[in-house]
Protein backbone atom coordinates (compact mmCIF):
# COMPACT_ATOMS: atom_id res chain seq x y z
CA MET A 1 -60.19 -50.63 -41.17
CA THR A 2 -61.14 -50.65 -44.85
CA VAL A 3 -58.81 -52.07 -47.50
CA ASP A 4 -58.42 -50.57 -50.99
CA ARG A 5 -57.46 -52.87 -53.84
CA PRO A 6 -56.60 -51.59 -57.32
CA LEU A 7 -58.88 -52.62 -60.16
CA ALA A 8 -57.72 -52.99 -63.75
CA VAL A 9 -60.48 -54.15 -66.09
CA ASP A 10 -60.41 -54.64 -69.86
CA SER A 11 -63.47 -53.41 -71.76
CA ALA A 12 -63.73 -53.19 -75.55
CA GLY A 13 -59.98 -52.80 -75.95
CA GLN A 14 -59.66 -50.20 -73.19
CA ARG A 15 -58.21 -50.57 -69.72
CA LEU A 16 -60.41 -49.21 -66.94
CA SER A 17 -58.71 -48.30 -63.69
CA GLY A 18 -60.58 -48.31 -60.42
CA THR A 19 -60.71 -49.27 -56.77
CA LEU A 20 -62.31 -52.14 -54.88
CA THR A 21 -62.78 -51.13 -51.24
CA LEU A 22 -63.44 -53.87 -48.70
CA PRO A 23 -64.99 -53.12 -45.31
CA ASP A 24 -63.89 -54.38 -41.92
CA GLY A 25 -64.65 -57.97 -41.04
CA ALA A 26 -64.50 -61.31 -42.73
CA GLY A 27 -66.09 -61.69 -46.15
CA PRO A 28 -67.53 -62.45 -48.47
CA HIS A 29 -69.21 -59.04 -48.43
CA PRO A 30 -72.17 -57.65 -50.32
CA LEU A 31 -70.92 -55.28 -53.01
CA ALA A 32 -72.18 -52.04 -54.55
CA LEU A 33 -70.94 -50.97 -57.98
CA LEU A 34 -71.06 -47.16 -58.06
CA LEU A 35 -72.07 -45.60 -61.38
CA PRO A 36 -71.56 -41.85 -61.86
CA GLY A 37 -73.51 -39.12 -63.58
CA SER A 38 -72.68 -37.76 -67.02
CA GLY A 39 -69.42 -36.18 -68.04
CA PRO A 40 -65.72 -37.04 -67.70
CA ILE A 41 -66.05 -38.30 -64.13
CA ASN A 42 -63.41 -40.16 -62.15
CA ARG A 43 -63.89 -42.91 -59.57
CA ASP A 44 -64.53 -40.36 -56.82
CA GLY A 45 -67.31 -38.64 -58.74
CA ASP A 46 -65.16 -35.61 -59.56
CA HIS A 47 -65.06 -33.56 -62.75
CA ARG A 48 -61.82 -31.61 -63.16
CA ARG A 49 -63.80 -28.35 -62.96
CA LEU A 50 -66.30 -29.48 -60.33
CA PRO A 51 -65.15 -31.94 -57.65
CA LEU A 52 -68.54 -33.17 -56.45
CA GLY A 53 -67.15 -36.31 -54.82
CA ILE A 54 -70.49 -38.12 -54.92
CA GLN A 55 -68.96 -41.59 -55.33
CA ARG A 56 -66.28 -40.83 -52.75
CA HIS A 57 -68.92 -39.94 -50.15
CA LEU A 58 -71.08 -42.93 -51.07
CA ALA A 59 -68.11 -45.29 -50.86
CA ALA A 60 -67.26 -44.12 -47.35
CA ALA A 61 -70.84 -44.54 -46.16
CA LEU A 62 -71.29 -47.95 -47.77
CA THR A 63 -68.03 -49.47 -46.55
CA GLY A 64 -68.78 -48.11 -43.09
CA ALA A 65 -71.99 -50.13 -43.23
CA GLY A 66 -70.17 -53.33 -44.18
CA ILE A 67 -70.70 -53.18 -47.96
CA ALA A 68 -67.79 -53.53 -50.37
CA VAL A 69 -67.60 -50.90 -53.11
CA ALA A 70 -66.28 -50.94 -56.67
CA ARG A 71 -65.78 -47.70 -58.60
CA TYR A 72 -63.70 -46.69 -61.59
CA ASP A 73 -62.52 -43.86 -63.81
CA ARG A 74 -64.49 -43.45 -67.01
CA ARG A 75 -62.77 -43.95 -70.36
CA GLY A 76 -60.22 -41.23 -70.98
CA VAL A 77 -60.46 -40.00 -67.40
CA GLY A 78 -57.96 -40.43 -64.55
CA ALA A 79 -55.95 -43.60 -65.04
CA SER A 80 -58.35 -45.23 -67.56
CA SER A 81 -57.40 -45.44 -71.22
CA GLY A 82 -59.58 -44.37 -74.13
CA GLU A 83 -61.07 -41.10 -75.30
CA PHE A 84 -64.03 -39.69 -73.40
CA LEU A 85 -65.39 -37.68 -76.34
CA ARG A 86 -65.73 -40.84 -78.44
CA THR A 87 -67.45 -42.92 -75.76
CA GLY A 88 -71.17 -43.56 -76.19
CA PHE A 89 -73.91 -44.08 -73.64
CA HIS A 90 -74.01 -47.80 -74.42
CA ASP A 91 -70.20 -47.98 -74.13
CA ASN A 92 -70.66 -46.79 -70.55
CA VAL A 93 -73.07 -49.67 -69.95
CA ASP A 94 -70.54 -52.11 -71.46
CA ASP A 95 -67.85 -50.76 -69.14
CA ALA A 96 -70.08 -51.17 -66.10
CA ALA A 97 -70.79 -54.75 -67.14
CA ALA A 98 -67.06 -55.46 -67.48
CA VAL A 99 -66.28 -54.08 -64.02
CA LEU A 100 -69.15 -56.00 -62.43
CA ALA A 101 -67.99 -59.23 -64.08
CA ALA A 102 -64.44 -58.65 -62.84
CA VAL A 103 -65.37 -58.13 -59.20
CA ARG A 104 -68.03 -60.84 -59.11
CA ASP A 105 -65.40 -63.58 -58.92
CA ASP A 106 -63.37 -61.95 -56.14
CA PRO A 107 -63.46 -64.30 -53.11
CA ALA A 108 -64.00 -61.30 -50.83
CA VAL A 109 -67.27 -60.51 -52.64
CA ASP A 110 -70.59 -62.35 -52.32
CA ALA A 111 -71.76 -62.83 -55.90
CA GLY A 112 -75.31 -63.34 -54.68
CA ARG A 113 -75.42 -59.86 -53.14
CA LEU A 114 -74.38 -57.48 -55.90
CA PHE A 115 -76.04 -54.07 -56.09
CA LEU A 116 -75.92 -51.28 -58.65
CA VAL A 117 -75.92 -47.76 -57.16
CA GLY A 118 -76.22 -45.11 -59.85
CA HIS A 119 -76.59 -41.34 -59.85
CA SER A 120 -78.24 -39.47 -62.76
CA GLU A 121 -76.85 -41.02 -65.97
CA GLY A 122 -75.36 -43.71 -63.72
CA ALA A 123 -78.90 -44.63 -62.66
CA LEU A 124 -79.79 -45.15 -66.32
CA THR A 125 -76.61 -47.19 -66.73
CA ALA A 126 -77.77 -49.38 -63.85
CA VAL A 127 -81.19 -49.91 -65.43
CA ALA A 128 -79.74 -50.69 -68.86
CA LEU A 129 -77.23 -53.12 -67.34
CA ALA A 130 -79.78 -54.94 -65.19
CA ALA A 131 -82.09 -55.18 -68.22
CA ARG A 132 -79.44 -57.29 -69.97
CA GLY A 133 -80.16 -60.05 -67.48
CA VAL A 134 -77.06 -59.52 -65.36
CA PRO A 135 -77.94 -61.04 -61.96
CA VAL A 136 -78.09 -58.32 -59.32
CA ALA A 137 -79.72 -58.22 -55.90
CA GLY A 138 -81.09 -54.70 -56.34
CA LEU A 139 -80.67 -51.20 -57.75
CA VAL A 140 -80.39 -47.87 -55.94
CA LEU A 141 -81.31 -45.11 -58.39
CA LEU A 142 -80.43 -41.58 -57.27
CA SER A 143 -81.85 -38.75 -59.40
CA ALA A 144 -82.95 -41.25 -62.02
CA PRO A 145 -84.81 -40.05 -65.14
CA GLY A 146 -87.85 -42.04 -66.16
CA ARG A 147 -88.23 -40.65 -69.67
CA THR A 148 -86.19 -40.27 -72.85
CA GLY A 149 -83.00 -38.27 -72.79
CA ALA A 150 -84.58 -35.77 -75.19
CA GLU A 151 -87.42 -35.10 -72.72
CA VAL A 152 -84.97 -34.81 -69.84
CA LEU A 153 -82.78 -32.24 -71.59
CA ARG A 154 -85.76 -30.18 -72.79
CA ARG A 155 -87.00 -29.93 -69.19
CA GLN A 156 -83.54 -28.92 -68.03
CA ALA A 157 -83.43 -26.12 -70.60
CA GLY A 158 -86.78 -24.79 -69.40
CA LEU A 159 -85.68 -24.76 -65.77
CA LEU A 160 -82.25 -23.36 -66.55
CA LEU A 161 -83.41 -19.97 -67.81
CA PRO A 162 -84.34 -18.43 -64.42
CA THR A 163 -81.01 -19.58 -62.94
CA LEU A 164 -78.87 -17.86 -65.60
CA PRO A 165 -77.02 -14.63 -64.74
CA ALA A 166 -79.12 -11.51 -65.35
CA PRO A 167 -76.94 -10.26 -68.27
CA VAL A 168 -77.40 -13.59 -70.06
CA ARG A 169 -81.16 -13.50 -69.55
CA LEU A 170 -81.19 -9.94 -70.89
CA VAL A 171 -79.32 -10.95 -74.04
CA LEU A 172 -81.75 -13.80 -74.61
CA ARG A 173 -84.70 -11.42 -74.27
CA LEU A 174 -83.16 -8.78 -76.53
CA THR A 175 -82.35 -11.34 -79.19
CA ARG A 176 -85.75 -13.00 -78.71
CA THR A 177 -84.05 -16.34 -78.21
CA ASP A 178 -86.27 -19.19 -77.06
CA LEU A 179 -83.81 -21.29 -75.07
CA VAL A 180 -85.89 -24.47 -75.15
CA ALA A 181 -86.43 -24.19 -78.91
CA LYS A 182 -82.71 -23.49 -79.43
CA VAL A 183 -81.81 -26.61 -77.43
CA ALA A 184 -84.29 -28.68 -79.45
CA ARG A 185 -82.73 -27.43 -82.71
CA ASN A 186 -79.27 -28.38 -81.46
CA HIS A 187 -80.58 -31.84 -80.62
CA GLU A 188 -81.86 -32.20 -84.18
CA LYS A 189 -78.42 -31.25 -85.48
CA ILE A 190 -76.78 -33.81 -83.22
CA LEU A 191 -79.19 -36.55 -84.29
CA ALA A 192 -78.39 -35.76 -87.93
CA THR A 193 -74.66 -36.41 -87.39
CA ASP A 194 -73.02 -39.80 -87.87
CA LYS A 195 -69.64 -39.13 -86.27
CA ASP A 196 -68.50 -39.78 -82.71
CA VAL A 197 -67.45 -36.13 -82.25
CA ALA A 198 -69.09 -33.12 -83.92
CA TRP A 199 -69.20 -29.34 -83.69
CA VAL A 200 -72.69 -28.19 -82.69
CA GLY A 201 -73.61 -24.72 -81.49
CA GLY A 202 -69.97 -23.69 -81.49
CA GLN A 203 -68.95 -26.58 -79.22
CA ARG A 204 -67.08 -29.82 -79.85
CA LEU A 205 -69.43 -32.45 -78.47
CA ASN A 206 -69.52 -36.17 -77.86
CA ALA A 207 -72.14 -36.57 -80.59
CA ARG A 208 -72.28 -40.35 -80.26
CA TRP A 209 -73.15 -40.14 -76.57
CA PHE A 210 -75.74 -37.44 -77.20
CA ARG A 211 -77.43 -39.41 -80.01
CA GLU A 212 -77.69 -42.50 -77.84
CA PHE A 213 -78.76 -40.58 -74.73
CA LEU A 214 -81.39 -38.53 -76.56
CA ARG A 215 -82.96 -41.72 -77.92
CA TYR A 216 -82.65 -43.85 -74.81
CA ASP A 217 -85.94 -44.57 -73.06
CA PRO A 218 -85.50 -46.39 -69.72
CA ARG A 219 -89.10 -47.56 -69.55
CA PRO A 220 -88.76 -50.72 -71.69
CA ASP A 221 -85.57 -51.63 -69.82
CA LEU A 222 -87.25 -51.05 -66.45
CA ALA A 223 -89.90 -53.58 -67.45
CA ARG A 224 -87.12 -56.17 -67.92
CA VAL A 225 -85.73 -55.58 -64.41
CA ASP A 226 -87.28 -57.81 -61.75
CA ALA A 227 -84.74 -56.98 -59.04
CA PRO A 228 -85.97 -54.62 -56.29
CA ILE A 229 -85.37 -50.90 -56.81
CA LEU A 230 -84.98 -47.93 -54.50
CA ALA A 231 -85.39 -44.63 -56.37
CA LEU A 232 -84.75 -41.28 -54.65
CA THR A 233 -84.88 -37.77 -56.14
CA GLY A 234 -84.68 -34.36 -54.50
CA ASP A 235 -87.56 -31.93 -54.88
CA LYS A 236 -85.05 -29.21 -55.88
CA ASP A 237 -83.47 -31.28 -58.64
CA LEU A 238 -83.12 -29.12 -61.77
CA GLN A 239 -81.82 -31.97 -63.92
CA THR A 240 -84.11 -34.87 -63.04
CA ASP A 241 -87.84 -34.46 -62.53
CA PRO A 242 -89.07 -35.95 -59.23
CA ALA A 243 -92.32 -36.59 -61.11
CA ASP A 244 -90.41 -39.37 -62.90
CA LEU A 245 -90.48 -41.48 -59.71
CA PRO A 246 -94.05 -42.74 -60.31
CA VAL A 247 -93.05 -43.45 -63.93
CA ILE A 248 -90.20 -45.65 -62.69
CA ALA A 249 -92.51 -47.42 -60.25
CA ALA A 250 -95.17 -47.99 -62.91
CA HIS A 251 -92.80 -49.53 -65.46
CA ALA A 252 -90.42 -51.58 -63.31
CA GLY A 253 -90.79 -55.34 -63.44
CA GLY A 254 -90.07 -55.81 -59.74
CA PRO A 255 -90.82 -54.11 -56.41
CA VAL A 256 -90.02 -50.40 -56.22
CA GLN A 257 -89.68 -48.04 -53.28
CA THR A 258 -89.52 -44.33 -54.11
CA GLY A 259 -88.91 -41.14 -52.17
CA VAL A 260 -88.97 -37.41 -52.90
CA LEU A 261 -86.34 -35.73 -50.71
CA PRO A 262 -87.21 -32.23 -49.43
CA ASP A 263 -84.70 -29.47 -50.23
CA VAL A 264 -82.27 -31.88 -51.93
CA THR A 265 -80.69 -30.89 -55.25
CA HIS A 266 -79.33 -32.92 -58.14
CA VAL A 267 -75.92 -33.16 -56.48
CA LEU A 268 -77.56 -34.82 -53.45
CA ARG A 269 -76.97 -31.93 -51.08
CA ARG A 270 -79.47 -29.88 -49.11
CA ARG A 271 -80.32 -26.35 -50.26
CA THR A 272 -82.79 -24.15 -48.43
CA GLY A 273 -82.91 -21.41 -51.08
CA PRO A 274 -83.95 -21.64 -54.72
CA PRO A 275 -82.02 -24.30 -56.66
CA SER A 276 -79.37 -23.14 -59.09
CA LEU A 277 -76.68 -24.81 -61.15
CA ARG A 278 -74.32 -22.03 -60.03
CA ALA A 279 -74.76 -23.22 -56.44
CA TYR A 280 -73.29 -26.66 -57.12
CA ARG A 281 -69.76 -25.54 -56.30
CA ASP A 282 -70.80 -24.34 -52.85
CA GLU A 283 -73.01 -27.38 -52.30
CA ALA A 284 -70.08 -29.66 -53.11
CA LYS A 285 -68.36 -28.41 -49.95
CA GLN A 286 -71.06 -30.14 -47.92
CA PRO A 287 -71.41 -33.89 -47.31
CA LEU A 288 -74.19 -35.81 -49.04
CA ASP A 289 -77.46 -35.13 -47.31
CA PRO A 290 -78.47 -37.72 -44.69
CA SER A 291 -81.90 -37.99 -46.33
CA VAL A 292 -80.08 -39.57 -49.29
CA VAL A 293 -77.55 -41.72 -47.47
CA GLU A 294 -79.62 -43.10 -44.60
CA PRO A 295 -82.53 -44.54 -46.65
CA ALA A 296 -80.04 -46.03 -49.12
CA LEU A 297 -78.09 -47.75 -46.34
CA SER A 298 -81.26 -49.03 -44.65
CA TRP A 299 -82.63 -50.35 -47.94
CA LEU A 300 -79.35 -52.08 -48.83
CA ALA A 301 -79.14 -53.63 -45.36
CA ALA A 302 -82.68 -55.00 -45.71
CA HIS A 303 -81.92 -56.51 -49.12
CA SER A 304 -78.46 -57.89 -48.39
CA GLY A 305 -79.10 -59.76 -45.16
């Protein structure tokens, strides 16, 4: 039977709240720190408008395989203090470092077998953290970009257009709006700001996070990471290009194993029809696809023995 312990970690004047889950059996156990994708995400991987539960599903699978799991609410989310809209990309890396340092000394955890398991932005967080020289036994990167944030978001805009509702596509055609060019212009406006929060395109945005994400290039950090990496991306991922997997492999400083997962979307579920952001809510009702979970568990077992 697994055991949940509360986590309370101080990071840059904020208190992060999370959970350390220990598997059955005597420790010390290998540990995976779960790092979520972008947005105000809690320790389970849920957004208040879209409960994806990615970290909840991963935690259950990992602890069932004998691996302890640490996960936490982002700043300003759930029980963690702070303000999400004023939290930058590099703040998220600092928070991950603080949580990893806190659990490393737990006697139930084997400090020589610490793994970072990140999804989407969380995969970039894992790369940036490992590049700081934090000793880790390996990284599992799920839907990990291999290029700058600006390139990632431009690709997303190009793929988004066919998935928009027909009335929206009609308005864009009638107004002769180039969605990719409009997104690029908004990025320029964001990069020109110097405040944490700004109004851009009629929306109040976390401008600090966007500036840092748009400029962040994981390739130099990958070169600083000599720990082994497993990188998996679905071939129906609208938000991360599976073509980035060879980029990750080419730039990493250590051994890399990659896999393109057939019919798997960005939310790590299987979809037989065309991918669509609107389908995420239905996909979230499914468990994570076995083609994601099983290779991750096998890889972690091979590197934690």
